Amino acid sequence: MSSVALRDRLGHAFHRPELFLQALTHRSYGATHNERLEFIGDAVLNCVVAAVLYERFPAIPEGDLSRVRANLVNRDTLALLARRLDLGAEIRLGEGELRSGGDQRPSLLADTLEALFGAVFLDAGYDAARAVIERVYAVEFEGLDPAALGKDPKTRLQEWLQARRLAVPTMPSPRWPARRMRRRSPSSAAFPRSGSSPRQRPEPPGSRAACRGRGLCQRERGRGGLARCLTTRRDRISVRGRLPSSGDRTSASRRC
């Protein structure tokens, strides 16, 4: 579809064609892209849809109006409308974005349509933008049912049953095997059970306990009754994980 056909479908003749071209330009194509127009178009779209719902449904409370509006301006609805306009064929994309299928990506289609609404608003004002939005949303506005739009199937079923004074069905809970239901308590891993001894920390290399564990410790009584460890330096170094050098002494006394 040519740009002229797209303008005809929108029902708006641009006085500033550069706005229309900018609205169709993705940031991957060039520096002058449509993100700022998308920002304006999003606000204009929400305002127009809110005004239309307010006028068409005077008896509906604010909460329901907000729910219906959110359903009409979300990404999926905008992408559907953009495909009806064959908007993907008109978007100007960079080579990489085009090869990756960006012209059919729902988020990109939705953003471009909002940018077009923003371009119309800047080109001719609010009334022109509202006319374009109502034209694009003609099918959605015509078959609009606020009582059901935007509600999930569970909520709709509950309301249907309550209106007929019927009980809401309950689903049986699944019975998992007992072995799958066992869960290890986080506290059991962090703290030992009462009566059990905590895990002992390893002794530092070269200490008396480490030497005795390796059968390397020899004790004697020195002056003043002090106990000394006659572990050889070669063994102490091997306990620490180093290999002795040729200059190391073969033996040395060390206090435990």
C-alpha atoms as a PDB file:
ATOM      1  CA  MET A   1       0.000   0.000   0.000  1.00  0.00           C
ATOM      2  CA  SER A   2       1.321   3.450  -0.928  1.00  0.00           C
ATOM      3  CA  SER A   3       1.572   6.386   1.475  1.00  0.00           C
ATOM      4  CA  VAL A   4      -1.350   8.035  -0.330  1.00  0.00           C
ATOM      5  CA  ALA A   5      -3.568   5.021   0.384  1.00  0.00           C
ATOM      6  CA  LEU A   6      -2.500   5.072   4.046  1.00  0.00           C
ATOM      7  CA  ARG A   7      -3.450   8.754   4.341  1.00  0.00           C
ATOM      8  CA  ASP A   8      -6.795   7.978   2.742  1.00  0.00           C
ATOM      9  CA  ARG A   9      -7.459   5.234   5.271  1.00  0.00           C
ATOM     10  CA  LEU A  10      -6.600   7.584   8.089  1.00  0.00           C
ATOM     11  CA  GLY A  11      -8.898  10.200   6.579  1.00  0.00           C
ATOM     12  CA  HIS A  12      -6.487  13.078   7.061  1.00  0.00           C
ATOM     13  CA  ALA A  13      -4.579  15.262   4.591  1.00  0.00           C
ATOM     14  CA  PHE A  14      -1.377  16.475   6.215  1.00  0.00           C
ATOM     15  CA  HIS A  15      -0.521  20.161   5.931  1.00  0.00           C
ATOM     16  CA  ARG A  16       2.985  19.267   7.115  1.00  0.00           C
ATOM     17  CA  PRO A  17       3.996  16.094   5.237  1.00  0.00           C
ATOM     18  CA  GLU A  18       7.262  15.894   7.172  1.00  0.00           C
ATOM     19  CA  LEU A  19       5.286  14.916  10.279  1.00  0.00           C
ATOM     20  CA  PHE A  20       3.687  12.038   8.428  1.00  0.00           C
ATOM     21  CA  LEU A  21       7.108  10.880   7.183  1.00  0.00           C
ATOM     22  CA  GLN A  22       8.637  11.195  10.649  1.00  0.00           C
ATOM     23  CA  ALA A  23       5.813   9.159  12.191  1.00  0.00           C
ATOM     24  CA  LEU A  24       6.691   6.277   9.860  1.00  0.00           C
ATOM     25  CA  THR A  25      10.443   6.410  10.622  1.00  0.00           C
ATOM     26  CA  HIS A  26      11.920   3.979  13.145  1.00  0.00           C
ATOM     27  CA  ARG A  27      15.006   4.931  15.127  1.00  0.00           C
ATOM     28  CA  SER A  28      17.013   2.257  13.292  1.00  0.00           C
ATOM     29  CA  TYR A  29      16.497   4.161  10.033  1.00  0.00           C
ATOM     30  CA  GLY A  30      17.775   7.591  11.000  1.00  0.00           C
ATOM     31  CA  ALA A  31      18.236  10.256  13.646  1.00  0.00           C
ATOM     32  CA  THR A  32      14.868  11.887  12.958  1.00  0.00           C
ATOM     33  CA  HIS A  33      12.612   9.116  14.199  1.00  0.00           C
ATOM     34  CA  ASN A  34       9.093   8.797  15.630  1.00  0.00           C
ATOM     35  CA  GLU A  35       9.657   8.242  19.353  1.00  0.00           C
ATOM     36  CA  ARG A  36       8.702  11.785  20.376  1.00  0.00           C
ATOM     37  CA  LEU A  37       5.585  11.619  18.213  1.00  0.00           C
ATOM     38  CA  GLU A  38       4.743   8.305  19.852  1.00  0.00           C
ATOM     39  CA  PHE A  39       4.916  10.026  23.244  1.00  0.00           C
ATOM     40  CA  ILE A  40       2.341  12.616  22.173  1.00  0.00           C
ATOM     41  CA  GLY A  41       0.178  10.085  20.351  1.00  0.00           C
ATOM     42  CA  ASP A  42      -0.085   7.875  23.424  1.00  0.00           C
ATOM     43  CA  ALA A  43      -1.479  10.760  25.483  1.00  0.00           C
ATOM     44  CA  VAL A  44      -3.869  11.859  22.735  1.00  0.00           C
ATOM     45  CA  LEU A  45      -5.140   8.311  22.231  1.00  0.00           C
ATOM     46  CA  ASN A  46      -5.883   7.852  25.937  1.00  0.00           C
ATOM     47  CA  CYS A  47      -7.701  11.200  26.043  1.00  0.00           C
ATOM     48  CA  VAL A  48      -9.834  10.458  22.982  1.00  0.00           C
ATOM     49  CA  VAL A  49     -10.767   6.929  24.078  1.00  0.00           C
ATOM     50  CA  ALA A  50     -11.639   8.183  27.572  1.00  0.00           C
ATOM     51  CA  ALA A  51     -13.863  10.910  26.121  1.00  0.00           C
ATOM     52  CA  VAL A  52     -15.635   8.457  23.787  1.00  0.00           C
ATOM     53  CA  LEU A  53     -16.326   5.997  26.615  1.00  0.00           C
ATOM     54  CA  TYR A  54     -17.525   8.782  28.894  1.00  0.00           C
ATOM     55  CA  GLU A  55     -20.006   9.971  26.303  1.00  0.00           C
ATOM     56  CA  ARG A  56     -21.267   6.561  25.183  1.00  0.00           C
ATOM     57  CA  PHE A  57     -21.669   4.952  28.603  1.00  0.00           C
ATOM     58  CA  PRO A  58     -22.921   7.544  31.117  1.00  0.00           C
ATOM     59  CA  ALA A  59     -24.050   4.926  33.661  1.00  0.00           C
ATOM     60  CA  ILE A  60     -20.777   2.969  33.914  1.00  0.00           C
ATOM     61  CA  PRO A  61     -18.581   3.678  36.985  1.00  0.00           C
ATOM     62  CA  GLU A  62     -15.041   4.951  36.738  1.00  0.00           C
ATOM     63  CA  GLY A  63     -13.387   1.627  37.506  1.00  0.00           C
ATOM     64  CA  ASP A  64     -15.114  -0.145  34.622  1.00  0.00           C
ATOM     65  CA  LEU A  65     -14.351   2.743  32.259  1.00  0.00           C
ATOM     66  CA  SER A  66     -10.660   2.524  33.142  1.00  0.00           C
ATOM     67  CA  ARG A  67     -10.654  -1.220  32.526  1.00  0.00           C
ATOM     68  CA  VAL A  68     -12.302  -0.842  29.110  1.00  0.00           C
ATOM     69  CA  ARG A  69      -9.963   1.974  28.103  1.00  0.00           C
ATOM     70  CA  ALA A  70      -6.893  -0.064  29.091  1.00  0.00           C
ATOM     71  CA  ASN A  71      -8.129  -2.899  26.895  1.00  0.00           C
ATOM     72  CA  LEU A  72      -8.641  -0.580  23.911  1.00  0.00           C
ATOM     73  CA  VAL A  73      -5.250   1.132  24.048  1.00  0.00           C
ATOM     74  CA  ASN A  74      -3.011  -1.840  24.866  1.00  0.00           C
ATOM     75  CA  ARG A  75      -0.326  -3.152  22.530  1.00  0.00           C
ATOM     76  CA  ASP A  76      -2.338  -6.072  21.152  1.00  0.00           C
ATOM     77  CA  THR A  77      -5.278  -3.894  20.099  1.00  0.00           C
ATOM     78  CA  LEU A  78      -3.020  -1.286  18.510  1.00  0.00           C
ATOM     79  CA  ALA A  79      -1.072  -3.950  16.627  1.00  0.00           C
ATOM     80  CA  LEU A  80      -4.332  -5.413  15.307  1.00  0.00           C
ATOM     81  CA  LEU A  81      -5.458  -2.000  14.051  1.00  0.00           C
ATOM     82  CA  ALA A  82      -2.042  -1.379  12.469  1.00  0.00           C
ATOM     83  CA  ARG A  83      -2.272  -4.640  10.525  1.00  0.00           C
ATOM     84  CA  ARG A  84      -5.705  -3.646   9.223  1.00  0.00           C
ATOM     85  CA  LEU A  85      -4.095  -0.488   7.852  1.00  0.00           C
ATOM     86  CA  ASP A  86      -1.188  -2.541   6.434  1.00  0.00           C
ATOM     87  CA  LEU A  87       1.070  -0.213   8.351  1.00  0.00           C
ATOM     88  CA  GLY A  88       4.063  -2.560   8.377  1.00  0.00           C
ATOM     89  CA  ALA A  89       4.638  -2.032   4.648  1.00  0.00           C
ATOM     90  CA  GLU A  90       5.004   1.734   5.179  1.00  0.00           C
ATOM     91  CA  ILE A  91       7.367   1.824   8.160  1.00  0.00           C
ATOM     92  CA  ARG A  92      10.900   2.940   7.348  1.00  0.00           C
ATOM     93  CA  LEU A  93      13.326   0.570   9.072  1.00  0.00           C
ATOM     94  CA  GLY A  94      17.058  -0.024   9.126  1.00  0.00           C
ATOM     95  CA  GLU A  95      18.436  -3.041   7.291  1.00  0.00           C
ATOM     96  CA  GLY A  96      19.019  -5.070  10.456  1.00  0.00           C
ATOM     97  CA  GLU A  97      15.580  -4.349  11.864  1.00  0.00           C
ATOM     98  CA  LEU A  98      13.982  -5.161   8.536  1.00  0.00           C
ATOM     99  CA  ARG A  99      15.788  -8.494   8.230  1.00  0.00           C
ATOM    100  CA  SER A 100      14.682  -9.476  11.741  1.00  0.00           C
ATOM    101  CA  GLY A 101      11.002  -8.984  10.847  1.00  0.00           C
ATOM    102  CA  GLY A 102      10.503  -5.675  12.620  1.00  0.00           C
ATOM    103  CA  ASP A 103       7.744  -4.615  10.223  1.00  0.00           C
ATOM    104  CA  GLN A 104       5.510  -7.309  11.748  1.00  0.00           C
ATOM    105  CA  ARG A 105       6.533  -6.980  15.395  1.00  0.00           C
ATOM    106  CA  PRO A 106       3.469  -6.069  17.524  1.00  0.00           C
ATOM    107  CA  SER A 107       5.289  -3.557  19.709  1.00  0.00           C
ATOM    108  CA  LEU A 108       6.755  -1.728  16.715  1.00  0.00           C
ATOM    109  CA  LEU A 109       3.405  -1.623  14.904  1.00  0.00           C
ATOM    110  CA  ALA A 110       1.673  -0.274  18.012  1.00  0.00           C
ATOM    111  CA  ASP A 111       4.305   2.422  18.536  1.00  0.00           C
ATOM    112  CA  THR A 112       4.097   3.553  14.911  1.00  0.00           C
ATOM    113  CA  LEU A 113       0.321   3.866  15.037  1.00  0.00           C
ATOM    114  CA  GLU A 114       0.566   6.007  18.160  1.00  0.00           C
ATOM    115  CA  ALA A 115       3.165   8.143  16.389  1.00  0.00           C
ATOM    116  CA  LEU A 116       0.702   8.697  13.543  1.00  0.00           C
ATOM    117  CA  PHE A 117      -1.947   9.860  16.018  1.00  0.00           C
ATOM    118  CA  GLY A 118       0.612  12.266  17.482  1.00  0.00           C
ATOM    119  CA  ALA A 119       1.532  13.569  14.046  1.00  0.00           C
ATOM    120  CA  VAL A 120      -2.110  14.279  13.219  1.00  0.00           C
ATOM    121  CA  PHE A 121      -2.517  16.125  16.538  1.00  0.00           C
ATOM    122  CA  LEU A 122       0.494  18.343  15.854  1.00  0.00           C
ATOM    123  CA  ASP A 123      -0.589  18.898  12.262  1.00  0.00           C
ATOM    124  CA  ALA A 124      -4.232  19.875  12.812  1.00  0.00           C
ATOM    125  CA  GLY A 125      -5.119  19.770  16.522  1.00  0.00           C
ATOM    126  CA  TYR A 126      -7.267  17.676  18.840  1.00  0.00           C
ATOM    127  CA  ASP A 127     -10.440  17.536  16.737  1.00  0.00           C
ATOM    128  CA  ALA A 128      -8.577  16.147  13.716  1.00  0.00           C
ATOM    129  CA  ALA A 129      -6.789  13.596  15.876  1.00  0.00           C
ATOM    130  CA  ARG A 130     -10.088  12.490  17.430  1.00  0.00           C
ATOM    131  CA  ALA A 131     -11.651  12.077  14.005  1.00  0.00           C
ATOM    132  CA  VAL A 132      -8.752   9.878  12.864  1.00  0.00           C
ATOM    133  CA  ILE A 133      -8.843   7.761  16.034  1.00  0.00           C
ATOM    134  CA  GLU A 134     -12.609   7.248  15.810  1.00  0.00           C
ATOM    135  CA  ARG A 135     -12.204   6.240  12.169  1.00  0.00           C
ATOM    136  CA  VAL A 136      -9.484   3.711  12.974  1.00  0.00           C
ATOM    137  CA  TYR A 137     -11.403   2.388  16.010  1.00  0.00           C
ATOM    138  CA  ALA A 138     -14.771   2.271  14.224  1.00  0.00           C
ATOM    139  CA  VAL A 139     -15.156  -1.524  14.469  1.00  0.00           C
ATOM    140  CA  GLU A 140     -14.044  -1.640  18.113  1.00  0.00           C
ATOM    141  CA  PHE A 141     -16.332   1.191  19.169  1.00  0.00           C
ATOM    142  CA  GLU A 142     -19.297  -0.255  17.306  1.00  0.00           C
ATOM    143  CA  GLY A 143     -19.261  -3.670  18.982  1.00  0.00           C
ATOM    144  CA  LEU A 144     -18.082  -2.468  22.372  1.00  0.00           C
ATOM    145  CA  ASP A 145     -19.425  -4.410  25.369  1.00  0.00           C
ATOM    146  CA  PRO A 146     -18.147  -2.863  28.617  1.00  0.00           C
ATOM    147  CA  ALA A 147     -19.680  -5.677  30.679  1.00  0.00           C
ATOM    148  CA  ALA A 148     -17.292  -8.260  29.236  1.00  0.00           C
ATOM    149  CA  LEU A 149     -14.389  -6.362  27.689  1.00  0.00           C
ATOM    150  CA  GLY A 150     -11.112  -6.778  29.503  1.00  0.00           C
ATOM    151  CA  LYS A 151     -12.313  -9.401  31.989  1.00  0.00           C
ATOM    152  CA  ASP A 152     -10.519 -12.701  32.250  1.00  0.00           C
ATOM    153  CA  PRO A 153     -12.529 -15.958  31.765  1.00  0.00           C
ATOM    154  CA  LYS A 154     -12.515 -16.749  35.495  1.00  0.00           C
ATOM    155  CA  THR A 155     -14.108 -13.405  36.416  1.00  0.00           C
ATOM    156  CA  ARG A 156     -16.711 -13.725  33.676  1.00  0.00           C
ATOM    157  CA  LEU A 157     -17.631 -17.236  34.844  1.00  0.00           C
ATOM    158  CA  GLN A 158     -17.989 -16.092  38.465  1.00  0.00           C
ATOM    159  CA  GLU A 159     -20.244 -13.184  37.463  1.00  0.00           C
ATOM    160  CA  TRP A 160     -22.377 -15.451  35.277  1.00  0.00           C
ATOM    161  CA  LEU A 161     -22.841 -17.942  38.130  1.00  0.00           C
ATOM    162  CA  GLN A 162     -23.572 -15.254  40.706  1.00  0.00           C
ATOM    163  CA  ALA A 163     -26.244 -13.701  38.456  1.00  0.00           C
ATOM    164  CA  ARG A 164     -28.005 -17.090  38.386  1.00  0.00           C
ATOM    165  CA  ARG A 165     -27.332 -17.843  42.070  1.00  0.00           C
ATOM    166  CA  LEU A 166     -25.267 -20.887  41.268  1.00  0.00           C
ATOM    167  CA  ALA A 167     -22.361 -22.159  43.317  1.00  0.00           C
ATOM    168  CA  VAL A 168     -18.860 -21.547  42.071  1.00  0.00           C
ATOM    169  CA  PRO A 169     -17.240 -24.901  41.181  1.00  0.00           C
ATOM    170  CA  THR A 170     -14.176 -25.941  43.138  1.00  0.00           C
ATOM    171  CA  MET A 171     -11.285 -27.840  41.626  1.00  0.00           C
ATOM    172  CA  PRO A 172      -9.717 -30.696  43.625  1.00  0.00           C
ATOM    173  CA  SER A 173      -6.160 -30.094  44.701  1.00  0.00           C
ATOM    174  CA  PRO A 174      -3.570 -32.379  43.072  1.00  0.00           C
ATOM    175  CA  ARG A 175      -2.214 -35.184  45.211  1.00  0.00           C
ATOM    176  CA  TRP A 176       1.519 -35.201  44.938  1.00  0.00           C
ATOM    177  CA  PRO A 177       3.608 -38.138  46.191  1.00  0.00           C
ATOM    178  CA  ALA A 178       4.867 -37.728  49.727  1.00  0.00           C
ATOM    179  CA  ARG A 179       8.477 -37.710  48.583  1.00  0.00           C
ATOM    180  CA  ARG A 180       7.842 -34.651  46.424  1.00  0.00           C
ATOM    181  CA  MET A 181       6.239 -32.768  49.282  1.00  0.00           C
ATOM    182  CA  ARG A 182       9.272 -33.023  51.541  1.00  0.00           C
ATOM    183  CA  ARG A 183      11.084 -29.754  51.744  1.00  0.00           C
ATOM    184  CA  ARG A 184      14.273 -29.135  53.590  1.00  0.00           C
ATOM    185  CA  SER A 185      13.927 -26.302  56.032  1.00  0.00           C
ATOM    186  CA  PRO A 186      16.423 -23.486  55.440  1.00  0.00           C
ATOM    187  CA  SER A 187      17.088 -23.312  59.182  1.00  0.00           C
ATOM    188  CA  SER A 188      18.158 -26.952  59.316  1.00  0.00           C
ATOM    189  CA  ALA A 189      21.040 -26.264  56.958  1.00  0.00           C
ATOM    190  CA  ALA A 190      22.183 -23.161  58.815  1.00  0.00           C
ATOM    191  CA  PHE A 191      21.887 -24.433  62.410  1.00  0.00           C
ATOM    192  CA  PRO A 192      22.693 -27.946  63.724  1.00  0.00           C
ATOM    193  CA  ARG A 193      20.111 -29.896  65.596  1.00  0.00           C
ATOM    194  CA  SER A 194      20.094 -29.838  69.379  1.00  0.00           C
ATOM    195  CA  GLY A 195      22.386 -32.484  70.833  1.00  0.00           C
ATOM    196  CA  SER A 196      24.553 -32.742  67.743  1.00  0.00           C
ATOM    197  CA  SER A 197      28.068 -31.384  67.791  1.00  0.00           C
ATOM    198  CA  PRO A 198      28.835 -28.545  65.384  1.00  0.00           C
ATOM    199  CA  ARG A 199      31.246 -29.150  62.567  1.00  0.00           C
ATOM    200  CA  GLN A 200      34.818 -28.654  63.775  1.00  0.00           C
ATOM    201  CA  ARG A 201      36.943 -26.162  61.945  1.00  0.00           C
ATOM    202  CA  PRO A 202      40.217 -27.472  60.490  1.00  0.00           C
ATOM    203  CA  GLU A 203      43.323 -26.589  62.441  1.00  0.00           C
ATOM    204  CA  PRO A 204      45.744 -24.147  60.814  1.00  0.00           C
ATOM    205  CA  PRO A 205      48.812 -25.714  59.139  1.00  0.00           C
ATOM    206  CA  GLY A 206      51.766 -26.174  61.483  1.00  0.00           C
ATOM    207  CA  SER A 207      49.670 -26.110  64.680  1.00  0.00           C
ATOM    208  CA  ARG A 208      50.042 -28.717  67.404  1.00  0.00           C
ATOM    209  CA  ALA A 209      46.800 -30.512  66.510  1.00  0.00           C
ATOM    210  CA  ALA A 210      47.716 -30.612  62.831  1.00  0.00           C
ATOM    211  CA  CYS A 211      51.143 -31.992  63.610  1.00  0.00           C
ATOM    212  CA  ARG A 212      49.752 -34.661  65.895  1.00  0.00           C
ATOM    213  CA  GLY A 213      47.198 -35.646  63.283  1.00  0.00           C
ATOM    214  CA  ARG A 214      50.022 -36.351  60.848  1.00  0.00           C
ATOM    215  CA  GLY A 215      52.161 -38.095  63.480  1.00  0.00           C
ATOM    216  CA  LEU A 216      54.853 -35.423  63.271  1.00  0.00           C
ATOM    217  CA  CYS A 217      54.787 -33.910  66.731  1.00  0.00           C
ATOM    218  CA  GLN A 218      57.463 -34.743  69.265  1.00  0.00           C
ATOM    219  CA  ARG A 219      57.284 -33.072  72.644  1.00  0.00           C
ATOM    220  CA  GLU A 220      59.851 -32.418  75.288  1.00  0.00           C
ATOM    221  CA  ARG A 221      60.060 -30.374  78.396  1.00  0.00           C
ATOM    222  CA  GLY A 222      62.242 -27.330  78.257  1.00  0.00           C
ATOM    223  CA  ARG A 223      63.240 -24.787  80.791  1.00  0.00           C
ATOM    224  CA  GLY A 224      60.398 -23.458  82.890  1.00  0.00           C
ATOM    225  CA  GLY A 225      58.227 -26.481  82.108  1.00  0.00           C
ATOM    226  CA  LEU A 226      57.228 -25.124  78.659  1.00  0.00           C
ATOM    227  CA  ALA A 227      56.225 -27.689  76.077  1.00  0.00           C
ATOM    228  CA  ARG A 228      57.968 -27.488  72.741  1.00  0.00           C
ATOM    229  CA  CYS A 229      57.226 -29.133  69.411  1.00  0.00           C
ATOM    230  CA  LEU A 230      60.235 -30.647  67.630  1.00  0.00           C
ATOM    231  CA  THR A 231      58.459 -30.950  64.280  1.00  0.00           C
ATOM    232  CA  THR A 232      60.941 -30.713  61.447  1.00  0.00           C
ATOM    233  CA  ARG A 233      60.755 -27.692  59.216  1.00  0.00           C
ATOM    234  CA  ARG A 234      60.440 -29.950  56.170  1.00  0.00           C
ATOM    235  CA  ASP A 235      57.260 -31.504  57.589  1.00  0.00           C
ATOM    236  CA  ARG A 236      55.834 -28.159  58.696  1.00  0.00           C
ATOM    237  CA  ILE A 237      56.375 -26.699  55.253  1.00  0.00           C
ATOM    238  CA  SER A 238      54.736 -29.711  53.604  1.00  0.00           C
ATOM    239  CA  VAL A 239      51.751 -29.278  55.913  1.00  0.00           C
ATOM    240  CA  ARG A 240      51.410 -25.692  54.743  1.00  0.00           C
ATOM    241  CA  GLY A 241      51.461 -26.828  51.129  1.00  0.00           C
ATOM    242  CA  ARG A 242      54.972 -25.523  50.195  1.00  0.00           C
ATOM    243  CA  LEU A 243      57.978 -27.466  49.088  1.00  0.00           C
ATOM    244  CA  PRO A 244      61.135 -26.854  51.152  1.00  0.00           C
ATOM    245  CA  SER A 245      64.132 -25.166  49.619  1.00  0.00           C
ATOM    246  CA  SER A 246      67.676 -26.391  49.890  1.00  0.00           C
ATOM    247  CA  GLY A 247      68.484 -23.681  52.406  1.00  0.00           C
ATOM    248  CA  ASP A 248      65.784 -24.751  54.858  1.00  0.00           C
ATOM    249  CA  ARG A 249      67.006 -26.276  58.044  1.00  0.00           C
ATOM    250  CA  THR A 250      66.206 -29.888  58.596  1.00  0.00           C
ATOM    251  CA  SER A 251      64.880 -29.272  62.077  1.00  0.00           C
ATOM    252  CA  ALA A 252      63.805 -26.449  64.310  1.00  0.00           C
ATOM    253  CA  SER A 253      61.978 -26.116  67.551  1.00  0.00           C
ATOM    254  CA  ARG A 254      58.733 -24.225  67.623  1.00  0.00           C
ATOM    255  CA  ARG A 255      56.317 -23.371  70.365  1.00  0.00           C
ATOM    256  CA  CYS A 256      52.900 -24.970  69.958  1.00  0.00           C
END
